[in-house]
C-alpha atoms as a PDB file:
ATOM      1  CA  UNK A   1      -0.339   3.275  -9.651  1.00  0.00           C
ATOM      2  CA  UNK A   2      -0.677  -0.252 -11.293  1.00  0.00           C
ATOM      3  CA  UNK A   3       1.097  -3.045 -11.706  1.00  0.00           C
ATOM      4  CA  UNK A   4       4.891  -3.314 -10.226  1.00  0.00           C
ATOM      5  CA  UNK A   5       7.096  -0.564  -8.895  1.00  0.00           C
ATOM      6  CA  UNK A   6       8.613   1.602  -9.399  1.00  0.00           C
ATOM      7  CA  UNK A   7       7.109   5.082  -9.988  1.00  0.00           C
ATOM      8  CA  UNK A   8       6.344   6.470 -12.853  1.00  0.00           C
ATOM      9  CA  UNK A   9       8.444   9.798 -13.363  1.00  0.00           C
ATOM     10  CA  UNK A  10       6.268  12.489 -12.781  1.00  0.00           C
ATOM     11  CA  UNK A  11       4.043  10.409 -10.415  1.00  0.00           C
ATOM     12  CA  UNK A  12       7.329   9.574  -8.017  1.00  0.00           C
ATOM     13  CA  UNK A  13       8.132  13.163  -7.646  1.00  0.00           C
ATOM     14  CA  UNK A  14       5.042  14.466  -6.550  1.00  0.00           C
ATOM     15  CA  UNK A  15       4.483  11.519  -4.294  1.00  0.00           C
ATOM     16  CA  UNK A  16       8.022  12.006  -2.285  1.00  0.00           C
ATOM     17  CA  UNK A  17       7.101  16.069  -2.233  1.00  0.00           C
ATOM     18  CA  UNK A  18       3.714  15.320  -0.507  1.00  0.00           C
ATOM     19  CA  UNK A  19       5.163  12.560   1.379  1.00  0.00           C
ATOM     20  CA  UNK A  20       8.527  13.527   2.917  1.00  0.00           C
ATOM     21  CA  UNK A  21       8.733  13.324   6.190  1.00  0.00           C
ATOM     22  CA  UNK A  22       7.155   9.208   6.900  1.00  0.00           C
ATOM     23  CA  UNK A  23       6.020   7.102   4.366  1.00  0.00           C
ATOM     24  CA  UNK A  24       4.319   3.748   5.127  1.00  0.00           C
ATOM     25  CA  UNK A  25       4.800   0.542   3.397  1.00  0.00           C
ATOM     26  CA  UNK A  26       2.197  -1.785   3.844  1.00  0.00           C
ATOM     27  CA  UNK A  27       3.016  -5.141   2.436  1.00  0.00           C
ATOM     28  CA  UNK A  28       2.268  -8.539   3.277  1.00  0.00           C
ATOM     29  CA  UNK A  29       5.180 -10.493   4.824  1.00  0.00           C
ATOM     30  CA  UNK A  30       6.886 -13.161   2.729  1.00  0.00           C
ATOM     31  CA  UNK A  31      10.492 -14.474   2.253  1.00  0.00           C
ATOM     32  CA  UNK A  32      12.935 -12.205   0.367  1.00  0.00           C
ATOM     33  CA  UNK A  33      10.370  -9.291   1.763  1.00  0.00           C
ATOM     34  CA  UNK A  34      13.127  -6.979   2.964  1.00  0.00           C
ATOM     35  CA  UNK A  35      15.133  -6.555  -0.403  1.00  0.00           C
ATOM     36  CA  UNK A  36      11.560  -6.088  -2.056  1.00  0.00           C
ATOM     37  CA  UNK A  37      11.052  -2.722  -0.009  1.00  0.00           C
ATOM     38  CA  UNK A  38      14.044  -1.092  -2.024  1.00  0.00           C
ATOM     39  CA  UNK A  39      11.727  -0.858  -5.416  1.00  0.00           C
ATOM     40  CA  UNK A  40       9.018   0.674  -3.563  1.00  0.00           C
ATOM     41  CA  UNK A  41      11.331   3.504  -2.217  1.00  0.00           C
ATOM     42  CA  UNK A  42      14.682   3.509  -4.210  1.00  0.00           C
ATOM     43  CA  UNK A  43      13.375   6.456  -6.502  1.00  0.00           C
ATOM     44  CA  UNK A  44      10.990   8.306  -3.665  1.00  0.00           C
ATOM     45  CA  UNK A  45      14.735   8.763  -2.228  1.00  0.00           C
ATOM     46  CA  UNK A  46      16.092  10.223  -5.075  1.00  0.00           C
ATOM     47  CA  UNK A  47      13.503  13.038  -4.911  1.00  0.00           C
ATOM     48  CA  UNK A  48      13.881  13.547  -0.875  1.00  0.00           C
ATOM     49  CA  UNK A  49      11.832  10.752   0.794  1.00  0.00           C
ATOM     50  CA  UNK A  50      14.108   8.729   3.382  1.00  0.00           C
ATOM     51  CA  UNK A  51      11.742   7.704   6.522  1.00  0.00           C
ATOM     52  CA  UNK A  52       9.958   4.676   5.480  1.00  0.00           C
ATOM     53  CA  UNK A  53       8.005   2.693   7.948  1.00  0.00           C
ATOM     54  CA  UNK A  54       7.466  -0.963   6.517  1.00  0.00           C
ATOM     55  CA  UNK A  55       4.107  -2.636   8.213  1.00  0.00           C
ATOM     56  CA  UNK A  56       3.167  -5.974   7.603  1.00  0.00           C
ATOM     57  CA  UNK A  57      -0.226  -6.870   7.399  1.00  0.00           C
ATOM     58  CA  UNK A  58      -2.033  -9.369   9.354  1.00  0.00           C
ATOM     59  CA  UNK A  59      -5.724 -10.525   9.376  1.00  0.00           C
ATOM     60  CA  UNK A  60      -5.702  -9.250  13.536  1.00  0.00           C
ATOM     61  CA  UNK A  61      -4.104  -5.639  13.218  1.00  0.00           C
ATOM     62  CA  UNK A  62      -1.954  -4.810  16.295  1.00  0.00           C
ATOM     63  CA  UNK A  63      -2.410  -0.915  17.780  1.00  0.00           C
ATOM     64  CA  UNK A  64       1.284  -0.207  17.066  1.00  0.00           C
ATOM     65  CA  UNK A  65       0.218  -0.833  13.190  1.00  0.00           C
ATOM     66  CA  UNK A  66      -2.334   1.866  13.547  1.00  0.00           C
ATOM     67  CA  UNK A  67      -0.727   4.520  15.489  1.00  0.00           C
ATOM     68  CA  UNK A  68       2.585   4.215  13.182  1.00  0.00           C
ATOM     69  CA  UNK A  69       0.506   4.526  10.308  1.00  0.00           C
ATOM     70  CA  UNK A  70      -1.493   7.244  11.861  1.00  0.00           C
ATOM     71  CA  UNK A  71       1.481   9.648  11.698  1.00  0.00           C
ATOM     72  CA  UNK A  72       2.457   9.180   8.107  1.00  0.00           C
ATOM     73  CA  UNK A  73       2.253  11.638   5.519  1.00  0.00           C
ATOM     74  CA  UNK A  74       2.570   9.142   2.456  1.00  0.00           C
ATOM     75  CA  UNK A  75       1.407   5.200   2.371  1.00  0.00           C
ATOM     76  CA  UNK A  76       2.266   2.799  -0.489  1.00  0.00           C
ATOM     77  CA  UNK A  77       0.380  -0.413  -0.235  1.00  0.00           C
ATOM     78  CA  UNK A  78       2.572  -3.496  -2.059  1.00  0.00           C
ATOM     79  CA  UNK A  79       1.297  -6.199  -4.309  1.00  0.00           C
ATOM     80  CA  UNK A  80       1.190  -9.694  -3.602  1.00  0.00           C
ATOM     81  CA  UNK A  81      -1.661 -12.120  -2.645  1.00  0.00           C
ATOM     82  CA  UNK A  82      -4.975  -9.820  -3.630  1.00  0.00           C
ATOM     83  CA  UNK A  83      -7.691 -11.709  -1.763  1.00  0.00           C
ATOM     84  CA  UNK A  84      -5.223 -11.318   1.085  1.00  0.00           C
ATOM     85  CA  UNK A  85      -5.032  -7.517   0.696  1.00  0.00           C
ATOM     86  CA  UNK A  86      -8.612  -7.598   0.228  1.00  0.00           C
ATOM     87  CA  UNK A  87      -9.286  -9.209   3.636  1.00  0.00           C
ATOM     88  CA  UNK A  88      -6.685  -7.210   5.788  1.00  0.00           C
ATOM     89  CA  UNK A  89      -7.311  -3.855   4.511  1.00  0.00           C
ATOM     90  CA  UNK A  90     -10.808  -3.760   3.164  1.00  0.00           C
ATOM     91  CA  UNK A  91     -13.693  -3.324   6.084  1.00  0.00           C
ATOM     92  CA  UNK A  92     -10.939  -3.190   8.322  1.00  0.00           C
ATOM     93  CA  UNK A  93      -9.843  -1.095  11.260  1.00  0.00           C
ATOM     94  CA  UNK A  94      -6.413  -0.698   8.825  1.00  0.00           C
ATOM     95  CA  UNK A  95      -8.692   0.382   5.741  1.00  0.00           C
ATOM     96  CA  UNK A  96     -10.704   2.842   7.687  1.00  0.00           C
ATOM     97  CA  UNK A  97      -7.252   4.497   8.197  1.00  0.00           C
ATOM     98  CA  UNK A  98      -6.183   4.747   5.173  1.00  0.00           C
ATOM     99  CA  UNK A  99      -9.232   5.983   3.445  1.00  0.00           C
ATOM    100  CA  UNK A 100      -9.653   8.924   6.313  1.00  0.00           C
ATOM    101  CA  UNK A 101      -5.797   9.531   5.773  1.00  0.00           C
ATOM    102  CA  UNK A 102      -6.699  10.243   1.806  1.00  0.00           C
ATOM    103  CA  UNK A 103      -9.473  12.291   2.649  1.00  0.00           C
ATOM    104  CA  UNK A 104      -7.335  14.647   4.324  1.00  0.00           C
ATOM    105  CA  UNK A 105      -4.959  14.727   1.518  1.00  0.00           C
ATOM    106  CA  UNK A 106      -2.477  12.181   2.226  1.00  0.00           C
ATOM    107  CA  UNK A 107      -0.975  10.442  -0.944  1.00  0.00           C
ATOM    108  CA  UNK A 108      -1.758   6.759  -1.300  1.00  0.00           C
ATOM    109  CA  UNK A 109      -0.034   4.549  -4.047  1.00  0.00           C
ATOM    110  CA  UNK A 110      -0.793   0.882  -4.662  1.00  0.00           C
ATOM    111  CA  UNK A 111       1.321  -1.434  -6.699  1.00  0.00           C
ATOM    112  CA  UNK A 112      -0.516  -4.648  -8.365  1.00  0.00           C
ATOM    113  CA  UNK A 113      -2.810  -6.530  -5.399  1.00  0.00           C
ATOM    114  CA  UNK A 114      -2.729  -2.400  -3.532  1.00  0.00           C
ATOM    115  CA  UNK A 115      -3.919  -1.195  -6.755  1.00  0.00           C
ATOM    116  CA  UNK A 116      -6.711  -3.721  -7.340  1.00  0.00           C
ATOM    117  CA  UNK A 117      -8.438  -3.313  -3.921  1.00  0.00           C
ATOM    118  CA  UNK A 118      -8.112   1.010  -3.920  1.00  0.00           C
ATOM    119  CA  UNK A 119     -11.474   1.097  -6.172  1.00  0.00           C
ATOM    120  CA  UNK A 120     -14.776   1.077  -4.541  1.00  0.00           C
ATOM    121  CA  UNK A 121     -16.348  -1.501  -5.615  1.00  0.00           C
ATOM    122  CA  UNK A 122     -13.326  -3.479  -5.294  1.00  0.00           C
ATOM    123  CA  UNK A 123     -13.291  -6.008  -8.335  1.00  0.00           C
ATOM    124  CA  UNK A 124     -10.853  -8.657  -8.608  1.00  0.00           C
ATOM    125  CA  UNK A 125     -10.246 -10.604 -12.254  1.00  0.00           C
ATOM    126  CA  UNK A 126     -10.022 -14.304 -11.975  1.00  0.00           C
ATOM    127  CA  UNK A 127      -6.379 -14.880 -12.490  1.00  0.00           C
ATOM    128  CA  UNK A 128      -5.573 -12.939  -8.900  1.00  0.00           C
ATOM    129  CA  UNK A 129      -7.816 -15.539  -6.671  1.00  0.00           C
ATOM    130  CA  UNK A 130      -7.241 -18.658  -4.995  1.00  0.00           C
ATOM    131  CA  UNK A 131     -10.747 -20.423  -6.897  1.00  0.00           C
ATOM    132  CA  UNK A 132     -10.105 -19.024 -10.127  1.00  0.00           C
ATOM    133  CA  UNK A 133     -13.300 -16.722 -10.372  1.00  0.00           C
ATOM    134  CA  UNK A 134     -13.995 -12.786 -10.571  1.00  0.00           C
ATOM    135  CA  UNK A 135     -14.684 -11.045  -7.023  1.00  0.00           C
ATOM    136  CA  UNK A 136     -16.504  -7.677  -6.445  1.00  0.00           C
ATOM    137  CA  UNK A 137     -16.388  -6.357  -3.233  1.00  0.00           C
END
Protein backbone atom coordinates (compact mmCIF):
# COMPACT_ATOMS: atom_id res chain seq x y z
CA UNK A 1 0.00 0.00 0.00
CA UNK A 2 2.93 2.31 0.50
CA UNK A 3 3.55 4.87 3.22
CA UNK A 4 1.17 5.57 6.06
CA UNK A 5 -2.39 4.40 6.49
CA UNK A 6 -5.26 4.79 5.74
CA UNK A 7 -6.11 2.85 2.60
CA UNK A 8 -6.96 4.81 -0.53
CA UNK A 9 -10.68 4.88 -1.40
CA UNK A 10 -10.72 2.25 -4.17
CA UNK A 11 -8.38 -0.18 -2.44
CA UNK A 12 -10.12 0.12 0.94
CA UNK A 13 -13.44 -0.92 -0.59
CA UNK A 14 -11.94 -3.90 -2.41
CA UNK A 15 -9.85 -4.99 0.58
CA UNK A 16 -12.82 -4.71 2.97
CA UNK A 17 -15.08 -6.72 0.66
CA UNK A 18 -12.47 -9.47 0.31
CA UNK A 19 -11.63 -9.65 4.01
CA UNK A 20 -15.01 -9.15 5.70
CA UNK A 21 -14.85 -12.21 7.92
CA UNK A 22 -11.63 -11.68 9.87
CA UNK A 23 -8.68 -9.40 9.25
CA UNK A 24 -5.28 -9.82 10.90
CA UNK A 25 -3.25 -6.74 11.68
CA UNK A 26 0.40 -7.72 12.16
CA UNK A 27 2.44 -5.16 14.04
CA UNK A 28 5.39 -4.65 16.33
CA UNK A 29 4.23 -3.81 19.83
CA UNK A 30 5.26 -0.41 21.11
CA UNK A 31 3.78 2.26 23.35
CA UNK A 32 0.51 3.60 21.96
CA UNK A 33 -0.05 0.68 19.58
CA UNK A 34 -3.74 0.28 20.49
CA UNK A 35 -4.55 3.86 19.56
CA UNK A 36 -2.73 3.52 16.24
CA UNK A 37 -4.69 0.44 15.08
CA UNK A 38 -7.67 2.64 14.25
CA UNK A 39 -5.65 4.16 11.39
CA UNK A 40 -5.56 0.72 9.74
CA UNK A 41 -9.14 -0.29 10.48
CA UNK A 42 -11.30 2.87 10.56
CA UNK A 43 -11.93 3.12 6.83
CA UNK A 44 -12.37 -0.63 6.38
CA UNK A 45 -15.15 -0.57 8.96
CA UNK A 46 -17.09 1.84 6.72
CA UNK A 47 -17.32 -0.99 4.19
CA UNK A 48 -18.42 -3.65 6.64
CA UNK A 49 -15.15 -5.11 7.93
CA UNK A 50 -15.59 -5.47 11.69
CA UNK A 51 -13.58 -8.44 12.95
CA UNK A 52 -9.93 -7.49 13.49
CA UNK A 53 -7.26 -9.59 15.17
CA UNK A 54 -4.26 -7.62 16.40
CA UNK A 55 -1.29 -9.97 16.26
CA UNK A 56 2.01 -8.63 17.65
CA UNK A 57 5.12 -9.94 15.92
CA UNK A 58 8.24 -11.16 17.67
CA UNK A 59 11.40 -13.11 16.95
CA UNK A 60 9.68 -16.27 18.20
CA UNK A 61 6.02 -16.30 17.10
CA UNK A 62 3.62 -18.28 19.22
CA UNK A 63 1.65 -21.21 17.88
CA UNK A 64 -1.50 -19.24 18.67
CA UNK A 65 -0.39 -16.37 16.40
CA UNK A 66 0.11 -18.79 13.52
CA UNK A 67 -3.25 -20.44 14.22
CA UNK A 68 -5.09 -17.10 14.40
CA UNK A 69 -3.47 -16.00 11.16
CA UNK A 70 -4.56 -19.18 9.43
CA UNK A 71 -8.23 -18.31 9.92
CA UNK A 72 -8.03 -14.74 8.65
CA UNK A 73 -9.52 -13.59 5.37
CA UNK A 74 -7.24 -10.55 5.04
CA UNK A 75 -3.83 -9.47 6.35
CA UNK A 76 -2.49 -6.00 7.07
CA UNK A 77 1.22 -5.63 7.84
CA UNK A 78 1.91 -2.49 9.84
CA UNK A 79 4.71 -0.02 9.83
CA UNK A 80 7.55 0.84 12.13
CA UNK A 81 11.03 -0.60 12.29
CA UNK A 82 11.57 -2.10 8.85
CA UNK A 83 14.47 -4.33 9.86
CA UNK A 84 12.40 -5.87 12.65
CA UNK A 85 9.51 -6.55 10.27
CA UNK A 86 11.96 -8.19 7.88
CA UNK A 87 13.44 -10.31 10.67
CA UNK A 88 10.04 -11.31 12.09
CA UNK A 89 8.37 -12.12 8.76
CA UNK A 90 10.82 -12.94 5.96
CA UNK A 91 12.07 -16.53 5.92
CA UNK A 92 10.02 -17.39 9.01
CA UNK A 93 6.94 -19.50 9.72
CA UNK A 94 4.88 -16.29 9.74
CA UNK A 95 6.22 -15.26 6.33
CA UNK A 96 5.59 -18.70 4.85
CA UNK A 97 2.03 -18.66 6.20
CA UNK A 98 1.42 -15.21 4.68
CA UNK A 99 2.83 -16.31 1.31
CA UNK A 100 0.66 -19.44 1.26
CA UNK A 101 -2.44 -17.48 2.16
CA UNK A 102 -1.68 -14.88 -0.52
CA UNK A 103 -1.32 -17.65 -3.12
CA UNK A 104 -4.74 -18.93 -2.01
CA UNK A 105 -6.29 -15.51 -2.70
CA UNK A 106 -6.17 -13.85 0.73
CA UNK A 107 -5.52 -10.11 0.29
CA UNK A 108 -2.35 -8.78 1.92
CA UNK A 109 -1.67 -5.07 2.42
CA UNK A 110 1.41 -3.46 3.92
CA UNK A 111 2.05 0.09 5.05
CA UNK A 112 5.47 1.68 5.34
CA UNK A 113 7.74 -1.10 6.65
CA UNK A 114 5.01 -3.62 5.84
CA UNK A 115 5.06 -2.47 2.21
CA UNK A 116 8.86 -2.43 1.97
CA UNK A 117 9.24 -6.08 2.97
CA UNK A 118 6.63 -7.41 0.51
CA UNK A 119 8.61 -7.49 -2.77
CA UNK A 120 10.99 -10.28 -3.70
CA UNK A 121 13.78 -9.33 -3.39
CA UNK A 122 13.22 -7.06 -0.42
CA UNK A 123 15.24 -3.86 -0.72
CA UNK A 124 15.40 -1.65 2.35
CA UNK A 125 16.72 1.88 1.77
CA UNK A 126 19.47 3.30 4.02
CA UNK A 127 17.04 5.63 5.81
CA UNK A 128 15.19 2.56 7.16
CA UNK A 129 18.21 0.72 8.56
CA UNK A 130 20.09 1.19 11.82
CA UNK A 131 23.46 1.31 10.04
CA UNK A 132 22.11 3.72 7.41
CA UNK A 133 23.19 1.40 4.58
CA UNK A 134 20.94 -0.26 2.01
CA UNK A 135 19.88 -3.86 2.62
CA UNK A 136 18.79 -6.44 0.05
CA UNK A 137 17.27 -9.81 0.99
